[in-house]
Amino acid sequence: LSDHQKDLLQTVFLGNSSRRDKINVIIAERVSPQQSADMYMDKDAFENELRQVLGDTHEAHDLSDRDVVITGSHGILLIGPNAKAQEPVMLMYLSLMSRDLFVHNVFNRIFMTDDILKMVRQMIKHQEEDPNSVANIRHTLAETSRDIILLEELLVYLKESLDQDSFLKTVPDTASGRRLYEILGMKAMLDDLEVRVQDMRKILMAAREEINGLRIMVDTVAE
């Protein structure tokens, strides 16, 4: 990563980019015990084991009489003698889930920025209580403005990533691959990602306007 890319990551993860969430994709030819998908979702021992590698478990499906797929908040487990043949679909799923997880973190970071702007508005309202208030407000606005610029840049990269990666829009050509593709809802996931990225860009545009308004207010206070 370049220094600028590292700076973008640090902005999103507040200096803890090395500890960001990961996605686990696990492909296994067999499992013990071998059973139908719904038997693993027992809200007891089996599911507790799965949670250790997949996060909160979401769904389990039978792809065939011996192939099972189980999804969680932080990964997917594909089991069965035909599991290896689904690597292309797993790669597509990984690509979408990693983007989805990153978008979730960007979304949280944007709302943290919104909270900072609300705090600045309160600082302006009570500016007479602190002789250094104007300098503090201007510093906070400058830092927040920088964060917004970086977040806007990130969203441009995310949109380009979704638009230009034709692999994400390719429907598998095998019957088993198409079934897995449909079970995982990857078309809906891609559409949802595109909408969320667009919505976040609108939120950041509003935040930029908010900063301009707050700067006018603090200039008035300074005068």
Protein backbone atom coordinates (compact mmCIF):
# COMPACT_ATOMS: atom_id res chain seq x y z
CA LEU A 1 0.00 0.00 0.00
CA SER A 2 1.12 3.55 -0.68
CA ASP A 3 1.30 6.09 2.15
CA HIS A 4 -1.90 7.71 0.89
CA GLN A 5 -3.75 4.38 0.85
CA LYS A 6 -2.59 3.74 4.41
CA ASP A 7 -3.84 7.20 5.36
CA LEU A 8 -7.25 6.38 3.89
CA LEU A 9 -7.43 3.16 5.90
CA GLN A 10 -6.34 4.88 9.09
CA THR A 11 -9.07 7.49 8.58
CA VAL A 12 -11.77 4.81 8.32
CA PHE A 13 -10.47 2.63 11.16
CA LEU A 14 -9.32 5.48 13.45
CA GLY A 15 -5.70 4.37 13.48
CA ASN A 16 -6.47 0.65 13.98
CA SER A 17 -6.44 -0.48 10.36
CA SER A 18 -4.26 -3.50 11.16
CA ARG A 19 -7.08 -4.86 13.35
CA ARG A 20 -9.85 -4.44 10.78
CA ASP A 21 -12.38 -7.23 10.31
CA LYS A 22 -11.53 -10.13 8.02
CA ILE A 23 -13.66 -12.52 5.98
CA ASN A 24 -13.07 -16.28 6.29
CA VAL A 25 -13.76 -18.53 3.30
CA ILE A 26 -13.43 -22.20 4.27
CA ILE A 27 -13.74 -25.04 1.75
CA ALA A 28 -13.73 -28.62 3.10
CA GLU A 29 -14.24 -31.95 1.33
CA ARG A 30 -15.83 -33.53 4.41
CA VAL A 31 -17.08 -32.76 7.91
CA SER A 32 -17.72 -34.84 10.97
CA PRO A 33 -20.53 -35.48 11.58
CA GLN A 34 -21.96 -35.37 8.05
CA GLN A 35 -25.60 -34.25 8.22
CA SER A 36 -28.18 -32.02 6.56
CA ALA A 37 -27.69 -28.25 6.67
CA ASP A 38 -30.45 -27.46 9.16
CA MET A 39 -28.93 -29.88 11.70
CA TYR A 40 -25.87 -27.64 12.04
CA MET A 41 -28.08 -24.68 13.02
CA ASP A 42 -28.98 -26.21 16.38
CA LYS A 43 -28.39 -23.10 18.56
CA ASP A 44 -26.13 -25.34 20.62
CA ALA A 45 -22.81 -27.15 20.21
CA PHE A 46 -22.62 -27.28 16.39
CA GLU A 47 -23.57 -23.65 15.93
CA ASN A 48 -21.19 -22.51 18.69
CA GLU A 49 -18.34 -24.24 16.86
CA LEU A 50 -19.29 -22.53 13.60
CA ARG A 51 -19.46 -19.10 15.25
CA GLN A 52 -15.78 -19.32 16.15
CA VAL A 53 -14.80 -19.10 12.47
CA LEU A 54 -17.86 -17.59 10.75
CA GLY A 55 -19.08 -15.04 13.30
CA ASP A 56 -22.85 -14.94 13.91
CA THR A 57 -24.32 -17.70 11.79
CA HIS A 58 -26.93 -16.62 9.22
CA GLU A 59 -28.08 -19.52 7.04
CA ALA A 60 -27.35 -23.12 6.09
CA HIS A 61 -28.38 -24.77 2.81
CA ASP A 62 -28.06 -28.19 1.19
CA LEU A 63 -26.55 -27.87 -2.29
CA SER A 64 -26.87 -31.62 -2.85
CA ASP A 65 -27.24 -34.75 -0.71
CA ARG A 66 -23.61 -34.33 0.45
CA ASP A 67 -22.76 -30.65 -0.17
CA VAL A 68 -23.61 -27.99 2.42
CA VAL A 69 -23.02 -24.23 2.58
CA ILE A 70 -23.19 -22.25 5.84
CA THR A 71 -22.89 -18.45 5.99
CA GLY A 72 -22.07 -16.11 8.85
CA SER A 73 -21.39 -12.44 9.51
CA HIS A 74 -17.64 -12.89 8.91
CA GLY A 75 -17.33 -15.87 6.61
CA ILE A 76 -18.68 -18.84 4.72
CA LEU A 77 -18.13 -22.59 5.01
CA LEU A 78 -18.60 -24.87 1.99
CA ILE A 79 -18.52 -28.61 2.68
CA GLY A 80 -18.71 -31.58 0.35
CA PRO A 81 -16.93 -33.62 -2.32
CA ASN A 82 -17.90 -31.04 -4.97
CA ALA A 83 -16.92 -28.02 -2.87
CA LYS A 84 -13.62 -27.42 -4.66
CA ALA A 85 -15.45 -26.88 -7.96
CA GLN A 86 -17.19 -23.84 -6.47
CA GLU A 87 -14.00 -21.82 -5.98
CA PRO A 88 -14.99 -19.20 -8.63
CA VAL A 89 -18.29 -18.56 -6.84
CA MET A 90 -16.47 -18.41 -3.50
CA LEU A 91 -14.04 -15.85 -4.91
CA MET A 92 -16.99 -13.75 -6.11
CA TYR A 93 -18.62 -14.03 -2.67
CA LEU A 94 -15.38 -13.04 -0.96
CA SER A 95 -15.03 -10.01 -3.24
CA LEU A 96 -18.55 -8.84 -2.43
CA MET A 97 -18.40 -9.57 1.31
CA SER A 98 -15.07 -7.80 1.77
CA ARG A 99 -16.52 -4.73 0.06
CA ASP A 100 -19.71 -5.01 2.13
CA LEU A 101 -17.75 -5.14 5.37
CA PHE A 102 -15.62 -2.17 4.34
CA VAL A 103 -18.70 -0.15 3.33
CA HIS A 104 -20.17 -0.89 6.77
CA ASN A 105 -17.06 0.55 8.42
CA VAL A 106 -17.10 3.62 6.16
CA PHE A 107 -20.77 4.12 7.03
CA ASN A 108 -19.97 4.08 10.76
CA ARG A 109 -17.11 6.52 10.21
CA ILE A 110 -19.39 8.94 8.37
CA PHE A 111 -21.85 8.96 11.24
CA MET A 112 -19.01 9.63 13.67
CA THR A 113 -18.22 12.68 11.53
CA ASP A 114 -21.86 13.74 11.79
CA ASP A 115 -21.64 13.49 15.59
CA ILE A 116 -18.54 15.71 15.56
CA LEU A 117 -20.40 18.37 13.58
CA LYS A 118 -23.25 18.28 16.11
CA MET A 119 -20.67 18.77 18.87
CA VAL A 120 -19.19 21.76 16.99
CA ARG A 121 -22.64 23.33 16.78
CA GLN A 122 -22.90 23.04 20.57
CA MET A 123 -19.41 24.52 20.97
CA ILE A 124 -20.50 27.53 18.91
CA LYS A 125 -23.66 27.87 20.97
CA HIS A 126 -21.64 27.98 24.21
CA GLN A 127 -18.56 29.74 22.81
CA GLU A 128 -18.60 32.48 25.49
CA GLU A 129 -17.73 29.90 28.15
CA ASP A 130 -14.22 29.31 26.76
CA PRO A 131 -11.81 32.04 25.55
CA ASN A 132 -10.14 29.49 23.24
CA SER A 133 -13.42 28.32 21.72
CA VAL A 134 -12.96 29.95 18.30
CA ALA A 135 -9.50 28.41 17.78
CA ASN A 136 -10.73 24.99 18.99
CA ILE A 137 -13.78 25.11 16.73
CA ARG A 138 -11.74 26.08 13.68
CA HIS A 139 -9.23 23.30 14.38
CA THR A 140 -12.03 20.72 14.74
CA LEU A 141 -13.69 21.90 11.52
CA ALA A 142 -10.38 21.73 9.63
CA GLU A 143 -9.75 18.16 10.83
CA THR A 144 -13.31 17.09 10.02
CA SER A 145 -13.15 18.70 6.58
CA ARG A 146 -9.99 16.72 5.84
CA ASP A 147 -11.71 13.50 6.93
CA ILE A 148 -14.69 14.22 4.69
CA ILE A 149 -12.41 14.81 1.68
CA LEU A 150 -10.71 11.45 2.28
CA LEU A 151 -14.03 9.66 2.78
CA GLU A 152 -15.38 11.17 -0.45
CA GLU A 153 -12.28 9.91 -2.24
CA LEU A 154 -12.82 6.44 -0.78
CA LEU A 155 -16.39 6.35 -2.04
CA VAL A 156 -15.22 7.26 -5.54
CA TYR A 157 -12.80 4.31 -5.41
CA LEU A 158 -15.56 2.02 -4.12
CA LYS A 159 -17.91 3.05 -6.93
CA GLU A 160 -15.19 2.50 -9.53
CA SER A 161 -14.43 -0.88 -7.97
CA LEU A 162 -18.07 -1.97 -8.27
CA ASP A 163 -18.55 -0.55 -11.77
CA GLN A 164 -15.34 -1.82 -13.35
CA ASP A 165 -15.06 -5.31 -11.84
CA SER A 166 -16.99 -7.31 -14.48
CA PHE A 167 -16.25 -10.53 -12.56
CA LEU A 168 -18.81 -9.45 -9.93
CA LYS A 169 -21.55 -9.33 -12.57
CA THR A 170 -20.78 -12.75 -14.11
CA VAL A 171 -23.38 -15.44 -13.43
CA PRO A 172 -21.78 -18.91 -13.07
CA ASP A 173 -22.26 -21.17 -16.09
CA THR A 174 -22.74 -24.43 -14.16
CA ALA A 175 -26.05 -25.52 -12.59
CA SER A 176 -24.48 -26.02 -9.13
CA GLY A 177 -22.65 -22.70 -9.41
CA ARG A 178 -25.87 -20.86 -10.33
CA ARG A 179 -27.70 -22.49 -7.41
CA LEU A 180 -24.99 -21.36 -4.98
CA TYR A 181 -24.98 -17.90 -6.59
CA GLU A 182 -28.74 -17.62 -6.03
CA ILE A 183 -28.66 -19.04 -2.49
CA LEU A 184 -26.05 -16.49 -1.47
CA GLY A 185 -28.07 -13.68 -3.09
CA MET A 186 -25.03 -12.15 -4.76
CA LYS A 187 -26.97 -10.15 -7.37
CA ALA A 188 -28.99 -8.49 -4.58
CA MET A 189 -25.82 -7.96 -2.56
CA LEU A 190 -24.14 -6.17 -5.47
CA ASP A 191 -27.19 -3.97 -6.11
CA ASP A 192 -27.41 -3.13 -2.40
CA LEU A 193 -23.73 -2.16 -2.29
CA GLU A 194 -24.14 0.21 -5.24
CA VAL A 195 -27.13 1.91 -3.59
CA ARG A 196 -25.36 2.24 -0.23
CA VAL A 197 -22.27 3.80 -1.79
CA GLN A 198 -24.45 6.33 -3.61
CA ASP A 199 -26.37 7.13 -0.41
CA MET A 200 -23.16 7.69 1.53
CA ARG A 201 -21.91 10.12 -1.11
CA LYS A 202 -25.11 12.14 -0.59
CA ILE A 203 -24.59 12.12 3.19
CA LEU A 204 -21.03 13.42 2.75
CA MET A 205 -22.24 16.18 0.42
CA ALA A 206 -24.65 17.26 3.16
CA ALA A 207 -21.83 17.14 5.73
CA ARG A 208 -19.68 19.36 3.52
CA GLU A 209 -22.53 21.92 3.36
CA GLU A 210 -22.88 21.68 7.13
CA ILE A 211 -19.20 22.51 7.56
CA ASN A 212 -19.56 25.57 5.31
CA GLY A 213 -22.49 26.77 7.42
CA LEU A 214 -20.59 26.21 10.68
CA ARG A 215 -17.60 28.14 9.33
CA ILE A 216 -19.85 31.12 8.59
CA MET A 217 -21.23 30.90 12.14
CA VAL A 218 -17.79 30.77 13.75
CA ASP A 219 -16.59 33.70 11.62
CA THR A 220 -19.53 35.70 12.94
CA VAL A 221 -18.63 34.72 16.51
CA ALA A 222 -15.00 35.72 15.92
CA GLU A 223 -16.02 39.15 14.62
